PDB file of N, CA and C in Angstrom:
ATOM      1  N   MET A   1       0.659  -0.971  -0.152  1.00  0.00           N
ATOM      2  CA  MET A   1       0.014   0.060  -0.172  1.00  0.00           C
ATOM      3  C   MET A   1       1.114   0.897   0.159  1.00  0.00           C
ATOM      4  N   PRO A   2       0.666   2.050  -0.927  1.00  0.00           N
ATOM      5  CA  PRO A   2       1.649   3.344  -0.979  1.00  0.00           C
ATOM      6  C   PRO A   2       1.433   4.403   0.374  1.00  0.00           C
ATOM      7  N   LYS A   3       2.367   5.118   0.629  1.00  0.00           N
ATOM      8  CA  LYS A   3       2.389   5.543   1.990  1.00  0.00           C
ATOM      9  C   LYS A   3       1.571   7.042   1.554  1.00  0.00           C
ATOM     10  N   ALA A   4       0.461   7.509   3.088  1.00  0.00           N
ATOM     11  CA  ALA A   4      -0.243   8.141   2.706  1.00  0.00           C
ATOM     12  C   ALA A   4       0.384   9.568   2.954  1.00  0.00           C
ATOM     13  N   PHE A   5       0.014  10.463   2.218  1.00  0.00           N
ATOM     14  CA  PHE A   5       0.640  11.852   2.389  1.00  0.00           C
ATOM     15  C   PHE A   5      -0.581  12.831   3.223  1.00  0.00           C
ATOM     16  N   PRO A   6      -0.088  13.651   4.143  1.00  0.00           N
ATOM     17  CA  PRO A   6      -0.750  14.513   4.871  1.00  0.00           C
ATOM     18  C   PRO A   6      -1.851  15.373   3.844  1.00  0.00           C
ATOM     19  N   ILE A   7      -3.051  15.765   4.281  1.00  0.00           N
ATOM     20  CA  ILE A   7      -4.168  16.775   3.354  1.00  0.00           C
ATOM     21  C   ILE A   7      -3.620  17.815   3.013  1.00  0.00           C
ATOM     22  N   GLU A   8      -2.712  18.377   4.034  1.00  0.00           N
ATOM     23  CA  GLU A   8      -2.251  19.928   3.674  1.00  0.00           C
ATOM     24  C   GLU A   8      -0.830  19.744   2.457  1.00  0.00           C
ATOM     25  N   PHE A   9      -0.114  18.615   2.518  1.00  0.00           N
ATOM     26  CA  PHE A   9       0.872  18.166   1.464  1.00  0.00           C
ATOM     27  C   PHE A   9       0.162  18.453   0.067  1.00  0.00           C
ATOM     28  N   ARG A  10      -0.787  17.567   0.233  1.00  0.00           N
ATOM     29  CA  ARG A  10      -1.472  17.307  -1.133  1.00  0.00           C
ATOM     30  C   ARG A  10      -2.065  18.655  -1.739  1.00  0.00           C
ATOM     31  N   ARG A  11      -2.597  19.419  -0.690  1.00  0.00           N
ATOM     32  CA  ARG A  11      -3.109  20.786  -0.998  1.00  0.00           C
ATOM     33  C   ARG A  11      -2.102  21.912  -1.455  1.00  0.00           C
ATOM     34  N   ASP A  12      -0.571  21.672  -1.423  1.00  0.00           N
ATOM     35  CA  ASP A  12       0.100  22.548  -1.335  1.00  0.00           C
ATOM     36  C   ASP A  12       0.693  21.944  -3.143  1.00  0.00           C
ATOM     37  N   VAL A  13       0.850  20.384  -3.014  1.00  0.00           N
ATOM     38  CA  VAL A  13       1.194  20.144  -4.455  1.00  0.00           C
ATOM     39  C   VAL A  13       0.319  20.683  -5.694  1.00  0.00           C
ATOM     40  N   VAL A  14      -0.955  20.389  -5.209  1.00  0.00           N
ATOM     41  CA  VAL A  14      -1.943  20.724  -6.301  1.00  0.00           C
ATOM     42  C   VAL A  14      -2.118  22.137  -6.432  1.00  0.00           C
ATOM     43  N   ALA A  15      -1.353  23.082  -5.657  1.00  0.00           N
ATOM     44  CA  ALA A  15      -1.368  24.265  -5.527  1.00  0.00           C
ATOM     45  C   ALA A  15      -0.761  24.905  -6.652  1.00  0.00           C
ATOM     46  N   GLY A  16       0.666  24.317  -6.173  1.00  0.00           N
ATOM     47  CA  GLY A  16       1.684  24.501  -6.896  1.00  0.00           C
ATOM     48  C   GLY A  16       1.917  23.996  -8.345  1.00  0.00           C
ATOM     49  N   ALA A  17       1.072  22.893  -8.678  1.00  0.00           N
ATOM     50  CA  ALA A  17       0.923  22.549 -10.423  1.00  0.00           C
ATOM     51  C   ALA A  17      -0.379  23.248 -11.130  1.00  0.00           C
ATOM     52  N   ARG A  18      -0.927  23.556 -10.351  1.00  0.00           N
ATOM     53  CA  ARG A  18      -1.870  24.394 -11.070  1.00  0.00           C
ATOM     54  C   ARG A  18      -1.713  25.999 -11.316  1.00  0.00           C
ATOM     55  N   LYS A  19      -0.181  26.344 -10.514  1.00  0.00           N
ATOM     56  CA  LYS A  19      -0.047  27.475 -10.768  1.00  0.00           C
ATOM     57  C   LYS A  19       0.692  27.583 -12.645  1.00  0.00           C
ATOM     58  N   GLY A  20       1.281  26.701 -12.987  1.00  0.00           N
ATOM     59  CA  GLY A  20       1.718  26.182 -14.340  1.00  0.00           C
ATOM     60  C   GLY A  20       3.012  26.582 -14.574  1.00  0.00           C
ATOM     61  N   GLU A  21       3.809  26.932 -13.358  1.00  0.00           N
ATOM     62  CA  GLU A  21       4.978  27.380 -13.498  1.00  0.00           C
ATOM     63  C   GLU A  21       5.732  26.641 -14.059  1.00  0.00           C
ATOM     64  N   ALA A  22       5.896  25.188 -13.725  1.00  0.00           N
ATOM     65  CA  ALA A  22       6.692  24.123 -14.116  1.00  0.00           C
ATOM     66  C   ALA A  22       6.055  22.990 -14.929  1.00  0.00           C
ATOM     67  N   PRO A  23       6.636  22.124 -15.316  1.00  0.00           N
ATOM     68  CA  PRO A  23       5.915  21.087 -16.117  1.00  0.00           C
ATOM     69  C   PRO A  23       5.470  20.146 -15.107  1.00  0.00           C
ATOM     70  N   LEU A  24       4.347  19.050 -15.216  1.00  0.00           N
ATOM     71  CA  LEU A  24       3.928  18.500 -13.941  1.00  0.00           C
ATOM     72  C   LEU A  24       5.099  17.438 -13.467  1.00  0.00           C
ATOM     73  N   SER A  25       5.351  16.681 -14.516  1.00  0.00           N
ATOM     74  CA  SER A  25       6.800  15.806 -14.023  1.00  0.00           C
ATOM     75  C   SER A  25       7.997  16.404 -13.070  1.00  0.00           C
ATOM     76  N   GLN A  26       8.013  17.779 -13.746  1.00  0.00           N
ATOM     77  CA  GLN A  26       9.301  18.382 -12.718  1.00  0.00           C
ATOM     78  C   GLN A  26       8.427  18.838 -11.391  1.00  0.00           C
ATOM     79  N   ILE A  27       7.501  19.197 -10.912  1.00  0.00           N
ATOM     80  CA  ILE A  27       6.519  19.302 -10.039  1.00  0.00           C
ATOM     81  C   ILE A  27       6.604  18.067  -8.845  1.00  0.00           C
ATOM     82  N   ALA A  28       6.166  16.785  -9.562  1.00  0.00           N
ATOM     83  CA  ALA A  28       6.190  15.381  -8.985  1.00  0.00           C
ATOM     84  C   ALA A  28       7.527  15.296  -8.457  1.00  0.00           C
ATOM     85  N   LYS A  29       8.585  15.500  -9.639  1.00  0.00           N
ATOM     86  CA  LYS A  29      10.001  15.200  -9.056  1.00  0.00           C
ATOM     87  C   LYS A  29      10.306  16.008  -8.096  1.00  0.00           C
ATOM     88  N   ASP A  30      10.260  16.994  -7.352  1.00  0.00           N
ATOM     89  CA  ASP A  30      10.247  18.166  -6.376  1.00  0.00           C
ATOM     90  C   ASP A  30       9.754  17.514  -5.373  1.00  0.00           C
ATOM     91  N   PHE A  31       8.542  17.466  -5.203  1.00  0.00           N
ATOM     92  CA  PHE A  31       7.826  17.039  -4.226  1.00  0.00           C
ATOM     93  C   PHE A  31       8.029  15.666  -3.667  1.00  0.00           C
ATOM     94  N   GLY A  32       8.697  14.873  -4.591  1.00  0.00           N
ATOM     95  CA  GLY A  32       9.054  13.573  -4.415  1.00  0.00           C
ATOM     96  C   GLY A  32       7.753  12.572  -4.301  1.00  0.00           C
ATOM     97  N   ILE A  33       7.012  12.454  -5.473  1.00  0.00           N
ATOM     98  CA  ILE A  33       5.569  12.088  -5.890  1.00  0.00           C
ATOM     99  C   ILE A  33       5.889  11.375  -7.431  1.00  0.00           C
ATOM    100  N   SER A  34       5.299  10.441  -7.528  1.00  0.00           N
ATOM    101  CA  SER A  34       5.330   9.822  -8.878  1.00  0.00           C
ATOM    102  C   SER A  34       4.275  10.806  -9.622  1.00  0.00           C
ATOM    103  N   GLU A  35       4.444  10.742 -10.781  1.00  0.00           N
ATOM    104  CA  GLU A  35       3.531  12.080 -12.029  1.00  0.00           C
ATOM    105  C   GLU A  35       2.459  11.257 -12.295  1.00  0.00           C
ATOM    106  N   SER A  36       1.970   9.549 -11.944  1.00  0.00           N
ATOM    107  CA  SER A  36       0.532   9.631 -12.074  1.00  0.00           C
ATOM    108  C   SER A  36      -0.161   9.733 -10.613  1.00  0.00           C
ATOM    109  N   CYS A  37       0.955  10.018  -9.865  1.00  0.00           N
ATOM    110  CA  CYS A  37       0.183  10.261  -8.291  1.00  0.00           C
ATOM    111  C   CYS A  37      -0.191  11.984  -8.011  1.00  0.00           C
ATOM    112  N   LEU A  38       0.630  12.580  -8.902  1.00  0.00           N
ATOM    113  CA  LEU A  38      -0.059  13.957  -9.152  1.00  0.00           C
ATOM    114  C   LEU A  38      -0.928  14.290  -9.605  1.00  0.00           C
ATOM    115  N   HIS A  39      -1.208  13.293 -11.103  1.00  0.00           N
ATOM    116  CA  HIS A  39      -2.588  13.637 -12.438  1.00  0.00           C
ATOM    117  C   HIS A  39      -3.652  13.009 -11.078  1.00  0.00           C
ATOM    118  N   ARG A  40      -3.627  11.677 -10.308  1.00  0.00           N
ATOM    119  CA  ARG A  40      -4.594  11.576  -9.284  1.00  0.00           C
ATOM    120  C   ARG A  40      -5.455  12.756  -8.492  1.00  0.00           C
ATOM    121  N   TRP A  41      -4.204  13.230  -8.150  1.00  0.00           N
ATOM    122  CA  TRP A  41      -4.538  14.645  -6.771  1.00  0.00           C
ATOM    123  C   TRP A  41      -4.954  15.398  -7.526  1.00  0.00           C
ATOM    124  N   LEU A  42      -4.348  15.825  -8.964  1.00  0.00           N
ATOM    125  CA  LEU A  42      -5.539  16.675  -9.369  1.00  0.00           C
ATOM    126  C   LEU A  42      -6.838  16.496 -10.004  1.00  0.00           C
ATOM    127  N   LYS A  43      -7.084  15.412 -10.291  1.00  0.00           N
ATOM    128  CA  LYS A  43      -8.188  15.187 -10.714  1.00  0.00           C
ATOM    129  C   LYS A  43      -9.276  15.114  -9.396  1.00  0.00           C
ATOM    130  N   LEU A  44      -8.912  14.446  -8.143  1.00  0.00           N
ATOM    131  CA  LEU A  44      -9.088  14.434  -7.154  1.00  0.00           C
ATOM    132  C   LEU A  44      -9.885  15.907  -7.025  1.00  0.00           C
ATOM    133  N   ALA A  45      -8.792  16.757  -6.839  1.00  0.00           N
ATOM    134  CA  ALA A  45      -9.132  18.139  -6.301  1.00  0.00           C
ATOM    135  C   ALA A  45     -10.131  18.669  -7.528  1.00  0.00           C
ATOM    136  N   ASP A  46     -10.010  18.565  -8.543  1.00  0.00           N
ATOM    137  CA  ASP A  46     -11.247  19.200  -9.358  1.00  0.00           C
ATOM    138  C   ASP A  46     -12.733  18.271  -9.440  1.00  0.00           C
ATOM    139  N   VAL A  47     -12.556  17.043  -8.760  1.00  0.00           N
ATOM    140  CA  VAL A  47     -13.969  16.872  -8.281  1.00  0.00           C
ATOM    141  C   VAL A  47     -14.463  17.761  -7.012  1.00  0.00           C
ATOM    142  N   ASP A  48     -13.542  17.460  -6.336  1.00  0.00           N
ATOM    143  CA  ASP A  48     -13.677  18.452  -4.686  1.00  0.00           C
ATOM    144  C   ASP A  48     -14.623  19.728  -5.014  1.00  0.00           C
ATOM    145  N   ASP A  49     -13.464  20.650  -6.178  1.00  0.00           N
ATOM    146  CA  ASP A  49     -14.067  22.084  -6.471  1.00  0.00           C
ATOM    147  C   ASP A  49     -15.573  22.162  -7.469  1.00  0.00           C
ATOM    148  N   GLY A  50     -15.724  20.914  -7.870  1.00  0.00           N
ATOM    149  CA  GLY A  50     -16.476  20.752  -8.732  1.00  0.00           C
ATOM    150  C   GLY A  50     -16.490  21.338  -9.807  1.00  0.00           C
ATOM    151  N   VAL A  51     -15.259  20.873 -10.852  1.00  0.00           N
ATOM    152  CA  VAL A  51     -15.042  21.527 -11.471  1.00  0.00           C
ATOM    153  C   VAL A  51     -15.320  20.233 -12.672  1.00  0.00           C
ATOM    154  N   ARG A  52     -15.022  19.058 -12.081  1.00  0.00           N
ATOM    155  CA  ARG A  52     -15.316  17.647 -12.588  1.00  0.00           C
ATOM    156  C   ARG A  52     -16.340  17.187 -11.878  1.00  0.00           C
ATOM    157  N   PRO A  53     -17.332  16.352 -12.524  1.00  0.00           N
ATOM    158  CA  PRO A  53     -18.651  15.737 -12.026  1.00  0.00           C
ATOM    159  C   PRO A  53     -17.930  14.351 -11.201  1.00  0.00           C
ATOM    160  N   GLY A  54     -18.721  13.786 -10.307  1.00  0.00           N
ATOM    161  CA  GLY A  54     -17.883  12.451  -9.742  1.00  0.00           C
ATOM    162  C   GLY A  54     -18.020  12.677  -7.806  1.00  0.00           C
ATOM    163  N   VAL A  55     -17.562  12.046  -7.580  1.00  0.00           N
ATOM    164  CA  VAL A  55     -17.726  11.583  -5.906  1.00  0.00           C
ATOM    165  C   VAL A  55     -16.691  12.475  -5.157  1.00  0.00           C
ATOM    166  N   THR A  56     -16.932  13.175  -4.071  1.00  0.00           N
ATOM    167  CA  THR A  56     -16.142  13.966  -3.640  1.00  0.00           C
ATOM    168  C   THR A  56     -15.270  13.391  -2.325  1.00  0.00           C
ATOM    169  N   THR A  57     -14.407  13.918  -2.342  1.00  0.00           N
ATOM    170  CA  THR A  57     -13.589  13.117  -1.145  1.00  0.00           C
ATOM    171  C   THR A  57     -14.568  12.953   0.219  1.00  0.00           C
ATOM    172  N   GLN A  58     -14.876  13.506   0.759  1.00  0.00           N
ATOM    173  CA  GLN A  58     -16.044  13.612   1.899  1.00  0.00           C
ATOM    174  C   GLN A  58     -17.041  12.920   1.440  1.00  0.00           C
ATOM    175  N   GLU A  59     -17.593  12.711   0.167  1.00  0.00           N
ATOM    176  CA  GLU A  59     -18.723  11.738   0.384  1.00  0.00           C
ATOM    177  C   GLU A  59     -18.331  10.510   0.220  1.00  0.00           C
ATOM    178  N   SER A  60     -16.759  10.291  -0.352  1.00  0.00           N
ATOM    179  CA  SER A  60     -16.275   8.992  -0.395  1.00  0.00           C
ATOM    180  C   SER A  60     -16.011   8.403   1.164  1.00  0.00           C
ATOM    181  N   ALA A  61     -15.654   9.167   1.394  1.00  0.00           N
ATOM    182  CA  ALA A  61     -15.598   8.948   3.087  1.00  0.00           C
ATOM    183  C   ALA A  61     -16.677   8.518   3.937  1.00  0.00           C
ATOM    184  N   GLU A  62     -17.852   9.311   3.663  1.00  0.00           N
ATOM    185  CA  GLU A  62     -18.966   9.394   4.176  1.00  0.00           C
ATOM    186  C   GLU A  62     -19.500   7.356   3.610  1.00  0.00           C
ATOM    187  N   LEU A  63     -19.482   7.474   2.674  1.00  0.00           N
ATOM    188  CA  LEU A  63     -19.789   6.113   1.917  1.00  0.00           C
ATOM    189  C   LEU A  63     -19.065   4.925   2.687  1.00  0.00           C
ATOM    190  N   ARG A  64     -18.069   5.056   3.061  1.00  0.00           N
ATOM    191  CA  ARG A  64     -16.950   3.902   3.363  1.00  0.00           C
ATOM    192  C   ARG A  64     -17.734   3.490   4.498  1.00  0.00           C
ATOM    193  N   GLU A  65     -17.707   4.757   5.834  1.00  0.00           N
ATOM    194  CA  GLU A  65     -18.249   5.260   6.991  1.00  0.00           C
ATOM    195  C   GLU A  65     -19.236   4.270   7.047  1.00  0.00           C
ATOM    196  N   LEU A  66     -20.510   4.407   6.188  1.00  0.00           N
ATOM    197  CA  LEU A  66     -21.743   4.065   5.982  1.00  0.00           C
ATOM    198  C   LEU A  66     -21.706   2.333   6.312  1.00  0.00           C
ATOM    199  N   LYS A  67     -20.767   2.240   4.878  1.00  0.00           N
ATOM    200  CA  LYS A  67     -20.734   0.551   4.680  1.00  0.00           C
ATOM    201  C   LYS A  67     -20.313   0.022   5.907  1.00  0.00           C
ATOM    202  N   LYS A  68     -19.310   0.462   6.773  1.00  0.00           N
ATOM    203  CA  LYS A  68     -18.595  -0.263   7.408  1.00  0.00           C
ATOM    204  C   LYS A  68     -19.735  -0.381   8.642  1.00  0.00           C
ATOM    205  N   ARG A  69     -20.566   0.527   8.663  1.00  0.00           N
ATOM    206  CA  ARG A  69     -21.636   0.559  10.071  1.00  0.00           C
ATOM    207  C   ARG A  69     -22.816  -0.479   9.401  1.00  0.00           C
ATOM    208  N   ASN A  70     -22.966  -0.577   8.449  1.00  0.00           N
ATOM    209  CA  ASN A  70     -24.071  -1.519   7.174  1.00  0.00           C
ATOM    210  C   ASN A  70     -23.563  -2.809   8.216  1.00  0.00           C
ATOM    211  N   ARG A  71     -22.013  -2.898   7.532  1.00  0.00           N
ATOM    212  CA  ARG A  71     -21.638  -4.456   7.854  1.00  0.00           C
ATOM    213  C   ARG A  71     -21.491  -5.055   9.281  1.00  0.00           C
ATOM    214  N   THR A  72     -21.265  -3.870  10.201  1.00  0.00           N
ATOM    215  CA  THR A  72     -21.564  -4.172  11.983  1.00  0.00           C
ATOM    216  C   THR A  72     -23.205  -4.375  12.276  1.00  0.00           C
ATOM    217  N   LEU A  73     -23.990  -3.584  11.673  1.00  0.00           N
ATOM    218  CA  LEU A  73     -24.912  -4.028  11.842  1.00  0.00           C
ATOM    219  C   LEU A  73     -25.572  -5.293  11.127  1.00  0.00           C
ATOM    220  N   GLU A  74     -24.909  -5.736  10.150  1.00  0.00           N
ATOM    221  CA  GLU A  74     -25.209  -6.619   9.691  1.00  0.00           C
ATOM    222  C   GLU A  74     -24.782  -8.766  10.588  1.00  0.00           C
ATOM    223  N   GLN A  75     -23.526  -8.076  11.021  1.00  0.00           N
ATOM    224  CA  GLN A  75     -23.240  -9.094  11.725  1.00  0.00           C
ATOM    225  C   GLN A  75     -24.222  -9.105  13.291  1.00  0.00           C
ATOM    226  N   GLU A  76     -24.514  -8.041  13.880  1.00  0.00           N
ATOM    227  CA  GLU A  76     -25.074  -8.047  15.287  1.00  0.00           C
ATOM    228  C   GLU A  76     -26.717  -8.688  14.861  1.00  0.00           C
ATOM    229  N   ASN A  77     -26.940  -8.025  13.703  1.00  0.00           N
ATOM    230  CA  ASN A  77     -28.559  -8.824  13.295  1.00  0.00           C
ATOM    231  C   ASN A  77     -28.237 -10.306  13.305  1.00  0.00           C
ATOM    232  N   GLU A  78     -27.051 -10.759  12.644  1.00  0.00           N
ATOM    233  CA  GLU A  78     -26.805 -12.296  12.625  1.00  0.00           C
ATOM    234  C   GLU A  78     -26.662 -13.265  13.668  1.00  0.00           C
ATOM    235  N   ILE A  79     -26.014 -12.376  14.846  1.00  0.00           N
ATOM    236  CA  ILE A  79     -25.569 -12.932  15.909  1.00  0.00           C
ATOM    237  C   ILE A  79     -27.174 -13.019  16.461  1.00  0.00           C
ATOM    238  N   LEU A  80     -27.758 -12.174  16.563  1.00  0.00           N
ATOM    239  CA  LEU A  80     -29.053 -11.955  17.004  1.00  0.00           C
ATOM    240  C   LEU A  80     -29.788 -12.937  16.638  1.00  0.00           C
ATOM    241  N   ARG A  81     -29.994 -13.241  15.397  1.00  0.00           N
ATOM    242  CA  ARG A  81     -30.670 -14.356  14.782  1.00  0.00           C
ATOM    243  C   ARG A  81     -30.573 -15.518  15.279  1.00  0.00           C
ATOM    244  N   ARG A  82     -29.103 -15.883  15.283  1.00  0.00           N
ATOM    245  CA  ARG A  82     -28.992 -17.270  15.835  1.00  0.00           C
ATOM    246  C   ARG A  82     -29.133 -17.778  17.250  1.00  0.00           C
ATOM    247  N   ALA A  83     -28.788 -16.643  18.101  1.00  0.00           N
ATOM    248  CA  ALA A  83     -29.309 -16.692  19.426  1.00  0.00           C
ATOM    249  C   ALA A  83     -30.786 -16.962  19.589  1.00  0.00           C
ATOM    250  N   ALA A  84     -31.321 -16.048  19.190  1.00  0.00           N
ATOM    251  CA  ALA A  84     -33.143 -16.248  19.158  1.00  0.00           C
ATOM    252  C   ALA A  84     -33.390 -17.927  18.575  1.00  0.00           C
ATOM    253  N   ALA A  85     -32.888 -18.362  17.463  1.00  0.00           N
ATOM    254  CA  ALA A  85     -32.799 -19.611  17.125  1.00  0.00           C
ATOM    255  C   ALA A  85     -32.640 -21.012  18.162  1.00  0.00           C
ATOM    256  N   TYR A  86     -31.561 -20.482  18.851  1.00  0.00           N
ATOM    257  CA  TYR A  86     -30.968 -21.023  19.869  1.00  0.00           C
ATOM    258  C   TYR A  86     -31.410 -21.437  21.162  1.00  0.00           C
ATOM    259  N   PHE A  87     -32.481 -20.263  21.417  1.00  0.00           N
ATOM    260  CA  PHE A  87     -32.628 -20.442  22.798  1.00  0.00           C
ATOM    261  C   PHE A  87     -34.161 -20.802  22.371  1.00  0.00           C
ATOM    262  N   ALA A  88     -34.774 -20.768  21.208  1.00  0.00           N
ATOM    263  CA  ALA A  88     -36.043 -20.978  20.426  1.00  0.00           C
ATOM    264  C   ALA A  88     -36.011 -22.851  20.918  1.00  0.00           C
ATOM    265  N   ARG A  89     -34.597 -22.995  20.418  1.00  0.00           N
ATOM    266  CA  ARG A  89     -34.645 -24.582  20.822  1.00  0.00           C
ATOM    267  C   ARG A  89     -34.804 -25.187  21.953  1.00  0.00           C
ATOM    268  N   GLU A  90     -34.240 -24.316  23.004  1.00  0.00           N
ATOM    269  CA  GLU A  90     -33.963 -24.856  24.202  1.00  0.00           C
ATOM    270  C   GLU A  90     -35.579 -24.667  24.953  1.00  0.00           C
ATOM    271  N   ILE A  91     -36.322 -23.735  24.488  1.00  0.00           N
ATOM    272  CA  ILE A  91     -37.815 -23.584  25.377  1.00  0.00           C
ATOM    273  C   ILE A  91     -38.421 -24.147  24.712  1.00  0.00           C
ATOM    274  N   SER A  92     -38.400 -24.483  23.238  1.00  0.00           N
ATOM    275  CA  SER A  92     -39.695 -25.499  23.056  1.00  0.00           C
ATOM    276  C   SER A  92     -39.836 -27.108  23.019  1.00  0.00           C
ATOM    277  N   PRO A  93     -40.964 -27.242  23.601  1.00  0.00           N
ATOM    278  CA  PRO A  93     -41.140 -28.673  24.091  1.00  0.00           C
ATOM    279  C   PRO A  93     -40.872 -29.540  23.278  1.00  0.00           C
ATOM    280  N   LYS A  94     -40.153 -30.881  23.649  1.00  0.00           N
ATOM    281  CA  LYS A  94     -40.234 -31.945  22.557  1.00  0.00           C
ATOM    282  C   LYS A  94     -40.810 -33.221  22.552  1.00  0.00           C
TER     283      LYS A  94
END
């Protein structure tokens, strides 16, 4: 997994790239990231700024949290269902 860079660093790199004072390859090299990483950050920044259509970073994080919460609730529901079935077997007359 690639190392995560702080949000502030990403903003600085994107701001530098948007100035257009140097080629993207040089900016990426100066900041110690790959050129493809810089292109990805620029695309994400465009989506976040509303320039491009797509899912923003905030929406993506919210969706991730909701999926995690849904998974937890499904696991809890399965545990309760199994517990109810177990106790129903013990209570019912044979």
